[in-house]
Structures are given as C-alpha cells and as structure tokens.
Amino acid sequence: MRIIFEKPILLFLISAFIIALPLCLFPINLFPGAIVYQEGLSELTVDAPLSLSYFLGLGYEKGDLEYVKTFYLHKQGILLAVLFIAGFPALLTYRVYLKKMEKK
C-alpha cells in the first residue's frame, strides 16, 4: 500500500480505475443525456439521465431499445463523467504529491 502513495502516477491510475469500474459496469443513471426515439417517420428526443454502462451494452434489456434510434450524453454529462473519472483521482494524487513534497 505504501508503494502506491510513493508513486503519484500509479495512485492516479488505480484510483481512476476504481472509480470508473462501477460507473461503467452498473446502470447508475447519473449523467445528463438524451434518448432519440424513432417510430416510422416520427422522431422524438427526450432528455434523460444516462449511465456509462449503456454505451458498453450493459444495464438494459433488448426490449428497452425497441424504438430507440440512438442515445448520447450532453456536454454536461461528458464533463461530469470526465470529472468523476479523472478529476477526483487528480485531486487525490495532487494532495499526496504535495504531502510528499512537504516531508522532503
């Protein structure tokens, strides 16, 4: 455990992986996005919270996508995903780095 705190890059990678794993594997509808439904010639776009697992094909049944043409994250959703996956680990890594520099 001590070696993780001695190497900031390793700490960043491990903490980003630990945060990204549940966000990408479990259907946690947290990120603002839109679902585009299409039936015949009519098309309807509905704003809805989406999960990152949907983009990997996890967390939904095939019947749930009956009239769904596509779904995507809004800019806010993309930013939120980046902040969760890279932002928190970066802050943690920076804090550990500053603490390490303080000891020297």
PDB file of N, CA and C in Angstrom:
ATOM      1  N   MET A   1       0.818  -1.185   0.000  1.00  0.00           N
ATOM      2  CA  MET A   1       0.000   0.000   0.000  1.00  0.00           C
ATOM      3  C   MET A   1       0.868   1.258   0.000  1.00  0.00           C
ATOM      4  N   ARG A   2       1.989   1.174   0.634  1.00  0.00           N
ATOM      5  CA  ARG A   2       2.879   2.323   0.734  1.00  0.00           C
ATOM      6  C   ARG A   2       3.457   2.700  -0.628  1.00  0.00           C
ATOM      7  N   ILE A   3       3.687   1.709  -1.483  1.00  0.00           N
ATOM      8  CA  ILE A   3       4.271   1.986  -2.796  1.00  0.00           C
ATOM      9  C   ILE A   3       3.312   2.813  -3.661  1.00  0.00           C
ATOM     10  N   ILE A   4       2.012   2.653  -3.451  1.00  0.00           N
ATOM     11  CA  ILE A   4       1.028   3.424  -4.205  1.00  0.00           C
ATOM     12  C   ILE A   4       1.155   4.906  -3.879  1.00  0.00           C
ATOM     13  N   PHE A   5       1.359   5.218  -2.603  1.00  0.00           N
ATOM     14  CA  PHE A   5       1.460   6.619  -2.206  1.00  0.00           C
ATOM     15  C   PHE A   5       2.816   7.224  -2.547  1.00  0.00           C
ATOM     16  N   GLU A   6       3.786   6.407  -2.880  1.00  0.00           N
ATOM     17  CA  GLU A   6       5.099   6.920  -3.269  1.00  0.00           C
ATOM     18  C   GLU A   6       5.157   7.276  -4.749  1.00  0.00           C
ATOM     19  N   LYS A   7       4.275   6.688  -5.548  1.00  0.00           N
ATOM     20  CA  LYS A   7       4.267   6.944  -6.989  1.00  0.00           C
ATOM     21  C   LYS A   7       2.918   7.561  -7.374  1.00  0.00           C
ATOM     22  N   PRO A   8       2.888   8.879  -7.573  1.00  0.00           N
ATOM     23  CA  PRO A   8       1.622   9.563  -7.847  1.00  0.00           C
ATOM     24  C   PRO A   8       0.907   9.071  -9.111  1.00  0.00           C
ATOM     25  N   ILE A   9       1.643   8.747 -10.154  1.00  0.00           N
ATOM     26  CA  ILE A   9       1.009   8.278 -11.395  1.00  0.00           C
ATOM     27  C   ILE A   9       0.285   6.958 -11.154  1.00  0.00           C
ATOM     28  N   LEU A  10       0.893   6.077 -10.404  1.00  0.00           N
ATOM     29  CA  LEU A  10       0.263   4.801 -10.075  1.00  0.00           C
ATOM     30  C   LEU A  10      -0.994   5.025  -9.246  1.00  0.00           C
ATOM     31  N   LEU A  11      -0.939   5.944  -8.307  1.00  0.00           N
ATOM     32  CA  LEU A  11      -2.103   6.286  -7.495  1.00  0.00           C
ATOM     33  C   LEU A  11      -3.227   6.828  -8.372  1.00  0.00           C
ATOM     34  N   PHE A  12      -2.893   7.698  -9.318  1.00  0.00           N
ATOM     35  CA  PHE A  12      -3.894   8.252 -10.226  1.00  0.00           C
ATOM     36  C   PHE A  12      -4.555   7.148 -11.039  1.00  0.00           C
ATOM     37  N   LEU A  13      -3.756   6.270 -11.625  1.00  0.00           N
ATOM     38  CA  LEU A  13      -4.303   5.214 -12.473  1.00  0.00           C
ATOM     39  C   LEU A  13      -5.187   4.240 -11.694  1.00  0.00           C
ATOM     40  N   ILE A  14      -4.752   3.854 -10.516  1.00  0.00           N
ATOM     41  CA  ILE A  14      -5.526   2.911  -9.717  1.00  0.00           C
ATOM     42  C   ILE A  14      -6.825   3.549  -9.225  1.00  0.00           C
ATOM     43  N   SER A  15      -6.758   4.789  -8.756  1.00  0.00           N
ATOM     44  CA  SER A  15      -7.980   5.428  -8.269  1.00  0.00           C
ATOM     45  C   SER A  15      -8.945   5.733  -9.420  1.00  0.00           C
ATOM     46  N   ALA A  16      -8.448   6.101 -10.592  1.00  0.00           N
ATOM     47  CA  ALA A  16      -9.324   6.316 -11.745  1.00  0.00           C
ATOM     48  C   ALA A  16     -10.003   5.010 -12.150  1.00  0.00           C
ATOM     49  N   PHE A  17      -9.274   3.913 -12.111  1.00  0.00           N
ATOM     50  CA  PHE A  17      -9.842   2.605 -12.436  1.00  0.00           C
ATOM     51  C   PHE A  17     -10.913   2.213 -11.425  1.00  0.00           C
ATOM     52  N   ILE A  18     -10.654   2.453 -10.145  1.00  0.00           N
ATOM     53  CA  ILE A  18     -11.609   2.098  -9.095  1.00  0.00           C
ATOM     54  C   ILE A  18     -12.895   2.917  -9.226  1.00  0.00           C
ATOM     55  N   ILE A  19     -12.792   4.170  -9.627  1.00  0.00           N
ATOM     56  CA  ILE A  19     -13.976   4.998  -9.808  1.00  0.00           C
ATOM     57  C   ILE A  19     -14.703   4.644 -11.107  1.00  0.00           C
ATOM     58  N   ALA A  20     -13.957   4.375 -12.169  1.00  0.00           N
ATOM     59  CA  ALA A  20     -14.569   4.096 -13.468  1.00  0.00           C
ATOM     60  C   ALA A  20     -15.256   2.734 -13.505  1.00  0.00           C
ATOM     61  N   LEU A  21     -14.758   1.785 -12.769  1.00  0.00           N
ATOM     62  CA  LEU A  21     -15.304   0.436 -12.811  1.00  0.00           C
ATOM     63  C   LEU A  21     -16.797   0.387 -12.485  1.00  0.00           C
ATOM     64  N   PRO A  22     -17.251   0.890 -11.341  1.00  0.00           N
ATOM     65  CA  PRO A  22     -18.698   0.821 -11.087  1.00  0.00           C
ATOM     66  C   PRO A  22     -19.514   1.729 -12.013  1.00  0.00           C
ATOM     67  N   LEU A  23     -18.940   2.855 -12.438  1.00  0.00           N
ATOM     68  CA  LEU A  23     -19.673   3.745 -13.336  1.00  0.00           C
ATOM     69  C   LEU A  23     -19.906   3.104 -14.696  1.00  0.00           C
ATOM     70  N   CYS A  24     -18.982   2.249 -15.127  1.00  0.00           N
ATOM     71  CA  CYS A  24     -19.099   1.618 -16.436  1.00  0.00           C
ATOM     72  C   CYS A  24     -19.772   0.253 -16.394  1.00  0.00           C
ATOM     73  N   LEU A  25     -19.849  -0.372 -15.246  1.00  0.00           N
ATOM     74  CA  LEU A  25     -20.430  -1.711 -15.166  1.00  0.00           C
ATOM     75  C   LEU A  25     -21.853  -1.749 -14.620  1.00  0.00           C
ATOM     76  N   PHE A  26     -22.212  -0.806 -13.768  1.00  0.00           N
ATOM     77  CA  PHE A  26     -23.538  -0.805 -13.161  1.00  0.00           C
ATOM     78  C   PHE A  26     -24.397   0.292 -13.781  1.00  0.00           C
ATOM     79  N   PRO A  27     -25.693   0.048 -13.939  1.00  0.00           N
ATOM     80  CA  PRO A  27     -26.571   1.064 -14.547  1.00  0.00           C
ATOM     81  C   PRO A  27     -26.940   2.177 -13.570  1.00  0.00           C
ATOM     82  N   ILE A  28     -26.012   3.077 -13.348  1.00  0.00           N
ATOM     83  CA  ILE A  28     -26.217   4.220 -12.468  1.00  0.00           C
ATOM     84  C   ILE A  28     -26.561   5.413 -13.358  1.00  0.00           C
ATOM     85  N   ASN A  29     -27.839   5.784 -13.420  1.00  0.00           N
ATOM     86  CA  ASN A  29     -28.292   6.880 -14.281  1.00  0.00           C
ATOM     87  C   ASN A  29     -27.944   8.212 -13.638  1.00  0.00           C
ATOM     88  N   LEU A  30     -26.763   8.695 -13.931  1.00  0.00           N
ATOM     89  CA  LEU A  30     -26.218   9.854 -13.255  1.00  0.00           C
ATOM     90  C   LEU A  30     -25.876  10.998 -14.205  1.00  0.00           C
ATOM     91  N   PHE A  31     -25.661  10.697 -15.459  1.00  0.00           N
ATOM     92  CA  PHE A  31     -25.110  11.667 -16.394  1.00  0.00           C
ATOM     93  C   PHE A  31     -26.182  12.202 -17.337  1.00  0.00           C
ATOM     94  N   PRO A  32     -26.325  13.535 -17.443  1.00  0.00           N
ATOM     95  CA  PRO A  32     -27.351  14.114 -18.320  1.00  0.00           C
ATOM     96  C   PRO A  32     -27.117  13.756 -19.779  1.00  0.00           C
ATOM     97  N   GLY A  33     -28.178  13.291 -20.416  1.00  0.00           N
ATOM     98  CA  GLY A  33     -28.078  12.902 -21.809  1.00  0.00           C
ATOM     99  C   GLY A  33     -29.426  12.978 -22.494  1.00  0.00           C
ATOM    100  N   ALA A  34     -29.521  12.385 -23.671  1.00  0.00           N
ATOM    101  CA  ALA A  34     -30.763  12.396 -24.441  1.00  0.00           C
ATOM    102  C   ALA A  34     -30.937  11.038 -25.120  1.00  0.00           C
ATOM    103  N   ILE A  35     -32.196  10.662 -25.270  1.00  0.00           N
ATOM    104  CA  ILE A  35     -32.557   9.434 -25.978  1.00  0.00           C
ATOM    105  C   ILE A  35     -33.402   9.849 -27.170  1.00  0.00           C
ATOM    106  N   VAL A  36     -33.041   9.359 -28.343  1.00  0.00           N
ATOM    107  CA  VAL A  36     -33.778   9.676 -29.562  1.00  0.00           C
ATOM    108  C   VAL A  36     -34.614   8.452 -29.934  1.00  0.00           C
ATOM    109  N   TYR A  37     -35.940   8.629 -29.906  1.00  0.00           N
ATOM    110  CA  TYR A  37     -36.871   7.571 -30.279  1.00  0.00           C
ATOM    111  C   TYR A  37     -37.331   7.802 -31.716  1.00  0.00           C
ATOM    112  N   GLN A  38     -37.500   6.723 -32.464  1.00  0.00           N
ATOM    113  CA  GLN A  38     -37.996   6.838 -33.829  1.00  0.00           C
ATOM    114  C   GLN A  38     -38.976   5.699 -34.097  1.00  0.00           C
ATOM    115  N   GLU A  39     -40.171   6.084 -34.528  1.00  0.00           N
ATOM    116  CA  GLU A  39     -41.183   5.103 -34.923  1.00  0.00           C
ATOM    117  C   GLU A  39     -41.760   5.579 -36.251  1.00  0.00           C
ATOM    118  N   GLY A  40     -41.491   4.843 -37.283  1.00  0.00           N
ATOM    119  CA  GLY A  40     -41.917   5.267 -38.613  1.00  0.00           C
ATOM    120  C   GLY A  40     -41.152   6.507 -39.035  1.00  0.00           C
ATOM    121  N   LEU A  41     -41.903   7.555 -39.374  1.00  0.00           N
ATOM    122  CA  LEU A  41     -41.268   8.812 -39.790  1.00  0.00           C
ATOM    123  C   LEU A  41     -41.130   9.811 -38.650  1.00  0.00           C
ATOM    124  N   SER A  42     -41.779   9.548 -37.528  1.00  0.00           N
ATOM    125  CA  SER A  42     -41.714  10.493 -36.414  1.00  0.00           C
ATOM    126  C   SER A  42     -40.502  10.205 -35.531  1.00  0.00           C
ATOM    127  N   GLU A  43     -39.909  11.283 -35.051  1.00  0.00           N
ATOM    128  CA  GLU A  43     -38.720  11.176 -34.207  1.00  0.00           C
ATOM    129  C   GLU A  43     -38.913  12.073 -32.987  1.00  0.00           C
ATOM    130  N   LEU A  44     -38.563  11.563 -31.815  1.00  0.00           N
ATOM    131  CA  LEU A  44     -38.740  12.289 -30.563  1.00  0.00           C
ATOM    132  C   LEU A  44     -37.458  12.200 -29.749  1.00  0.00           C
ATOM    133  N   THR A  45     -36.973  13.351 -29.277  1.00  0.00           N
ATOM    134  CA  THR A  45     -35.783  13.395 -28.429  1.00  0.00           C
ATOM    135  C   THR A  45     -36.213  13.716 -27.006  1.00  0.00           C
ATOM    136  N   VAL A  46     -35.835  12.867 -26.070  1.00  0.00           N
ATOM    137  CA  VAL A  46     -36.203  13.022 -24.666  1.00  0.00           C
ATOM    138  C   VAL A  46     -34.929  13.149 -23.839  1.00  0.00           C
ATOM    139  N   ASP A  47     -34.863  14.209 -23.030  1.00  0.00           N
ATOM    140  CA  ASP A  47     -33.740  14.355 -22.106  1.00  0.00           C
ATOM    141  C   ASP A  47     -33.930  13.385 -20.946  1.00  0.00           C
ATOM    142  N   ALA A  48     -32.867  12.674 -20.615  1.00  0.00           N
ATOM    143  CA  ALA A  48     -32.942  11.680 -19.540  1.00  0.00           C
ATOM    144  C   ALA A  48     -31.547  11.455 -18.980  1.00  0.00           C
ATOM    145  N   PRO A  49     -31.465  11.115 -17.696  1.00  0.00           N
ATOM    146  CA  PRO A  49     -30.153  10.742 -17.149  1.00  0.00           C
ATOM    147  C   PRO A  49     -29.743   9.378 -17.698  1.00  0.00           C
ATOM    148  N   LEU A  50     -28.487   9.262 -18.081  1.00  0.00           N
ATOM    149  CA  LEU A  50     -27.976   8.022 -18.662  1.00  0.00           C
ATOM    150  C   LEU A  50     -26.825   7.482 -17.827  1.00  0.00           C
ATOM    151  N   SER A  51     -26.545   6.218 -18.039  1.00  0.00           N
ATOM    152  CA  SER A  51     -25.430   5.554 -17.383  1.00  0.00           C
ATOM    153  C   SER A  51     -24.330   5.294 -18.404  1.00  0.00           C
ATOM    154  N   LEU A  52     -23.101   5.282 -17.954  1.00  0.00           N
ATOM    155  CA  LEU A  52     -21.995   4.962 -18.858  1.00  0.00           C
ATOM    156  C   LEU A  52     -22.047   3.510 -19.302  1.00  0.00           C
ATOM    157  N   SER A  53     -22.685   2.662 -18.513  1.00  0.00           N
ATOM    158  CA  SER A  53     -22.775   1.241 -18.869  1.00  0.00           C
ATOM    159  C   SER A  53     -23.619   1.029 -20.120  1.00  0.00           C
ATOM    160  N   TYR A  54     -24.549   1.936 -20.420  1.00  0.00           N
ATOM    161  CA  TYR A  54     -25.370   1.802 -21.613  1.00  0.00           C
ATOM    162  C   TYR A  54     -24.520   1.867 -22.879  1.00  0.00           C
ATOM    163  N   PHE A  55     -23.454   2.638 -22.849  1.00  0.00           N
ATOM    164  CA  PHE A  55     -22.594   2.785 -24.016  1.00  0.00           C
ATOM    165  C   PHE A  55     -21.721   1.548 -24.240  1.00  0.00           C
ATOM    166  N   LEU A  56     -21.619   0.701 -23.219  1.00  0.00           N
ATOM    167  CA  LEU A  56     -20.880  -0.561 -23.348  1.00  0.00           C
ATOM    168  C   LEU A  56     -21.815  -1.736 -23.612  1.00  0.00           C
ATOM    169  N   GLY A  57     -23.113  -1.452 -23.693  1.00  0.00           N
ATOM    170  CA  GLY A  57     -24.088  -2.510 -23.940  1.00  0.00           C
ATOM    171  C   GLY A  57     -24.506  -3.249 -22.681  1.00  0.00           C
ATOM    172  N   LEU A  58     -24.299  -2.651 -21.522  1.00  0.00           N
ATOM    173  CA  LEU A  58     -24.652  -3.284 -20.248  1.00  0.00           C
ATOM    174  C   LEU A  58     -25.774  -2.495 -19.579  1.00  0.00           C
ATOM    175  N   GLY A  59     -26.587  -3.170 -18.775  1.00  0.00           N
ATOM    176  CA  GLY A  59     -27.549  -2.478 -17.929  1.00  0.00           C
ATOM    177  C   GLY A  59     -28.925  -2.272 -18.519  1.00  0.00           C
ATOM    178  N   TYR A  60     -29.190  -2.806 -19.681  1.00  0.00           N
ATOM    179  CA  TYR A  60     -30.538  -2.688 -20.242  1.00  0.00           C
ATOM    180  C   TYR A  60     -30.883  -3.961 -21.003  1.00  0.00           C
ATOM    181  N   GLU A  61     -32.171  -4.169 -21.170  1.00  0.00           N
ATOM    182  CA  GLU A  61     -32.657  -5.323 -21.923  1.00  0.00           C
ATOM    183  C   GLU A  61     -32.869  -4.908 -23.379  1.00  0.00           C
ATOM    184  N   LYS A  62     -32.849  -5.857 -24.281  1.00  0.00           N
ATOM    185  CA  LYS A  62     -33.044  -5.557 -25.703  1.00  0.00           C
ATOM    186  C   LYS A  62     -34.424  -4.949 -25.951  1.00  0.00           C
ATOM    187  N   GLY A  63     -35.429  -5.346 -25.180  1.00  0.00           N
ATOM    188  CA  GLY A  63     -36.771  -4.794 -25.326  1.00  0.00           C
ATOM    189  C   GLY A  63     -36.850  -3.328 -24.957  1.00  0.00           C
ATOM    190  N   ASP A  64     -35.946  -2.862 -24.121  1.00  0.00           N
ATOM    191  CA  ASP A  64     -35.922  -1.450 -23.730  1.00  0.00           C
ATOM    192  C   ASP A  64     -35.542  -0.547 -24.899  1.00  0.00           C
ATOM    193  N   LEU A  65     -34.910  -1.104 -25.904  1.00  0.00           N
ATOM    194  CA  LEU A  65     -34.426  -0.323 -27.047  1.00  0.00           C
ATOM    195  C   LEU A  65     -35.308  -0.485 -28.283  1.00  0.00           C
ATOM    196  N   GLU A  66     -36.576  -0.824 -28.072  1.00  0.00           N
ATOM    197  CA  GLU A  66     -37.458  -1.147 -29.194  1.00  0.00           C
ATOM    198  C   GLU A  66     -37.561  -0.013 -30.214  1.00  0.00           C
ATOM    199  N   TYR A  67     -37.824   1.195 -29.786  1.00  0.00           N
ATOM    200  CA  TYR A  67     -37.944   2.330 -30.704  1.00  0.00           C
ATOM    201  C   TYR A  67     -36.803   3.328 -30.556  1.00  0.00           C
ATOM    202  N   VAL A  68     -35.766   2.960 -29.851  1.00  0.00           N
ATOM    203  CA  VAL A  68     -34.643   3.869 -29.634  1.00  0.00           C
ATOM    204  C   VAL A  68     -33.737   3.874 -30.861  1.00  0.00           C
ATOM    205  N   LYS A  69     -33.555   5.057 -31.422  1.00  0.00           N
ATOM    206  CA  LYS A  69     -32.653   5.201 -32.566  1.00  0.00           C
ATOM    207  C   LYS A  69     -31.218   5.336 -32.074  1.00  0.00           C
ATOM    208  N   THR A  70     -31.029   6.230 -31.098  1.00  0.00           N
ATOM    209  CA  THR A  70     -29.702   6.445 -30.516  1.00  0.00           C
ATOM    210  C   THR A  70     -29.855   7.118 -29.153  1.00  0.00           C
ATOM    211  N   PHE A  71     -28.774   7.157 -28.421  1.00  0.00           N
ATOM    212  CA  PHE A  71     -28.726   7.920 -27.166  1.00  0.00           C
ATOM    213  C   PHE A  71     -27.321   8.475 -27.028  1.00  0.00           C
ATOM    214  N   TYR A  72     -27.224   9.619 -26.347  1.00  0.00           N
ATOM    215  CA  TYR A  72     -25.934  10.292 -26.227  1.00  0.00           C
ATOM    216  C   TYR A  72     -25.929  11.148 -24.969  1.00  0.00           C
ATOM    217  N   LEU A  73     -24.730  11.505 -24.529  1.00  0.00           N
ATOM    218  CA  LEU A  73     -24.560  12.386 -23.374  1.00  0.00           C
ATOM    219  C   LEU A  73     -24.508  13.833 -23.848  1.00  0.00           C
ATOM    220  N   HIS A  74     -25.108  14.726 -23.059  1.00  0.00           N
ATOM    221  CA  HIS A  74     -24.961  16.153 -23.313  1.00  0.00           C
ATOM    222  C   HIS A  74     -23.545  16.566 -22.907  1.00  0.00           C
ATOM    223  N   LYS A  75     -23.195  17.799 -23.215  1.00  0.00           N
ATOM    224  CA  LYS A  75     -21.871  18.305 -22.837  1.00  0.00           C
ATOM    225  C   LYS A  75     -21.685  18.261 -21.320  1.00  0.00           C
ATOM    226  N   GLN A  76     -22.755  18.558 -20.576  1.00  0.00           N
ATOM    227  CA  GLN A  76     -22.683  18.477 -19.111  1.00  0.00           C
ATOM    228  C   GLN A  76     -22.406  17.052 -18.661  1.00  0.00           C
ATOM    229  N   GLY A  77     -23.020  16.083 -19.314  1.00  0.00           N
ATOM    230  CA  GLY A  77     -22.821  14.677 -18.959  1.00  0.00           C
ATOM    231  C   GLY A  77     -21.400  14.224 -19.232  1.00  0.00           C
ATOM    232  N   ILE A  78     -20.853  14.664 -20.358  1.00  0.00           N
ATOM    233  CA  ILE A  78     -19.471  14.314 -20.687  1.00  0.00           C
ATOM    234  C   ILE A  78     -18.517  14.931 -19.673  1.00  0.00           C
ATOM    235  N   LEU A  79     -18.757  16.204 -19.341  1.00  0.00           N
ATOM    236  CA  LEU A  79     -17.912  16.885 -18.366  1.00  0.00           C
ATOM    237  C   LEU A  79     -17.996  16.212 -17.002  1.00  0.00           C
ATOM    238  N   LEU A  80     -19.197  15.845 -16.594  1.00  0.00           N
ATOM    239  CA  LEU A  80     -19.383  15.174 -15.311  1.00  0.00           C
ATOM    240  C   LEU A  80     -18.656  13.830 -15.276  1.00  0.00           C
ATOM    241  N   ALA A  81     -18.735  13.075 -16.369  1.00  0.00           N
ATOM    242  CA  ALA A  81     -18.044  11.790 -16.443  1.00  0.00           C
ATOM    243  C   ALA A  81     -16.525  11.971 -16.358  1.00  0.00           C
ATOM    244  N   VAL A  82     -16.012  12.970 -17.063  1.00  0.00           N
ATOM    245  CA  VAL A  82     -14.567  13.234 -17.029  1.00  0.00           C
ATOM    246  C   VAL A  82     -14.135  13.669 -15.632  1.00  0.00           C
ATOM    247  N   LEU A  83     -14.953  14.509 -14.992  1.00  0.00           N
ATOM    248  CA  LEU A  83     -14.606  14.958 -13.641  1.00  0.00           C
ATOM    249  C   LEU A  83     -14.613  13.808 -12.645  1.00  0.00           C
ATOM    250  N   PHE A  84     -15.578  12.914 -12.761  1.00  0.00           N
ATOM    251  CA  PHE A  84     -15.604  11.767 -11.860  1.00  0.00           C
ATOM    252  C   PHE A  84     -14.413  10.844 -12.099  1.00  0.00           C
ATOM    253  N   ILE A  85     -14.165  10.517 -13.358  1.00  0.00           N
ATOM    254  CA  ILE A  85     -13.154   9.505 -13.676  1.00  0.00           C
ATOM    255  C   ILE A  85     -11.735  10.053 -13.591  1.00  0.00           C
ATOM    256  N   ALA A  86     -11.528  11.308 -13.946  1.00  0.00           N
ATOM    257  CA  ALA A  86     -10.166  11.868 -13.925  1.00  0.00           C
ATOM    258  C   ALA A  86      -9.978  12.960 -12.876  1.00  0.00           C
ATOM    259  N   GLY A  87     -11.026  13.709 -12.565  1.00  0.00           N
ATOM    260  CA  GLY A  87     -10.897  14.843 -11.649  1.00  0.00           C
ATOM    261  C   GLY A  87     -10.616  14.451 -10.218  1.00  0.00           C
ATOM    262  N   PHE A  88     -11.433  13.567  -9.660  1.00  0.00           N
ATOM    263  CA  PHE A  88     -11.216  13.131  -8.277  1.00  0.00           C
ATOM    264  C   PHE A  88      -9.861  12.443  -8.097  1.00  0.00           C
ATOM    265  N   PRO A  89      -9.486  11.517  -8.986  1.00  0.00           N
ATOM    266  CA  PRO A  89      -8.148  10.932  -8.838  1.00  0.00           C
ATOM    267  C   PRO A  89      -7.026  11.962  -8.967  1.00  0.00           C
ATOM    268  N   ALA A  90      -7.221  12.974  -9.820  1.00  0.00           N
ATOM    269  CA  ALA A  90      -6.193  14.013  -9.963  1.00  0.00           C
ATOM    270  C   ALA A  90      -6.049  14.819  -8.673  1.00  0.00           C
ATOM    271  N   LEU A  91      -7.166  15.161  -8.046  1.00  0.00           N
ATOM    272  CA  LEU A  91      -7.101  15.886  -6.775  1.00  0.00           C
ATOM    273  C   LEU A  91      -6.436  15.051  -5.689  1.00  0.00           C
ATOM    274  N   LEU A  92      -6.790  13.779  -5.631  1.00  0.00           N
ATOM    275  CA  LEU A  92      -6.177  12.878  -4.650  1.00  0.00           C
ATOM    276  C   LEU A  92      -4.680  12.755  -4.889  1.00  0.00           C
ATOM    277  N   THR A  93      -4.304  12.580  -6.135  1.00  0.00           N
ATOM    278  CA  THR A  93      -2.889  12.451  -6.484  1.00  0.00           C
ATOM    279  C   THR A  93      -2.128  13.731  -6.160  1.00  0.00           C
ATOM    280  N   TYR A  94      -2.719  14.867  -6.458  1.00  0.00           N
ATOM    281  CA  TYR A  94      -2.072  16.149  -6.175  1.00  0.00           C
ATOM    282  C   TYR A  94      -1.885  16.343  -4.672  1.00  0.00           C
ATOM    283  N   ARG A  95      -2.882  15.959  -3.905  1.00  0.00           N
ATOM    284  CA  ARG A  95      -2.778  16.078  -2.445  1.00  0.00           C
ATOM    285  C   ARG A  95      -1.643  15.205  -1.896  1.00  0.00           C
ATOM    286  N   VAL A  96      -1.564  13.982  -2.380  1.00  0.00           N
ATOM    287  CA  VAL A  96      -0.499  13.076  -1.940  1.00  0.00           C
ATOM    288  C   VAL A  96       0.858  13.607  -2.382  1.00  0.00           C
ATOM    289  N   TYR A  97       0.940  14.151  -3.585  1.00  0.00           N
ATOM    290  CA  TYR A  97       2.189  14.717  -4.082  1.00  0.00           C
ATOM    291  C   TYR A  97       2.647  15.893  -3.214  1.00  0.00           C
ATOM    292  N   LEU A  98       1.714  16.784  -2.878  1.00  0.00           N
ATOM    293  CA  LEU A  98       2.073  17.926  -2.025  1.00  0.00           C
ATOM    294  C   LEU A  98       2.516  17.474  -0.627  1.00  0.00           C
ATOM    295  N   LYS A  99       1.867  16.475  -0.089  1.00  0.00           N
ATOM    296  CA  LYS A  99       2.237  15.944   1.222  1.00  0.00           C
ATOM    297  C   LYS A  99       3.640  15.332   1.158  1.00  0.00           C
ATOM    298  N   LYS A 100       3.914  14.652   0.050  1.00  0.00           N
ATOM    299  CA  LYS A 100       5.230  14.041  -0.136  1.00  0.00           C
ATOM    300  C   LYS A 100       6.318  15.117  -0.247  1.00  0.00           C
ATOM    301  N   MET A 101       6.026  16.201  -0.966  1.00  0.00           N
ATOM    302  CA  MET A 101       6.999  17.283  -1.120  1.00  0.00           C
ATOM    303  C   MET A 101       7.205  18.028   0.195  1.00  0.00           C
ATOM    304  N   GLU A 102       6.187  18.078   1.024  1.00  0.00           N
ATOM    305  CA  GLU A 102       6.283  18.738   2.321  1.00  0.00           C
ATOM    306  C   GLU A 102       7.230  17.998   3.248  1.00  0.00           C
ATOM    307  N   LYS A 103       7.264  16.683   3.163  1.00  0.00           N
ATOM    308  CA  LYS A 103       8.131  15.867   4.008  1.00  0.00           C
ATOM    309  C   LYS A 103       9.605  16.003   3.630  1.00  0.00           C
ATOM    310  N   LYS A 104       9.866  16.331   2.369  1.00  0.00           N
ATOM    311  CA  LYS A 104      11.272  16.431   1.919  1.00  0.00           C
ATOM    312  C   LYS A 104      11.902  17.662   2.394  1.00  0.00           C
TER     313      LYS A 104
END
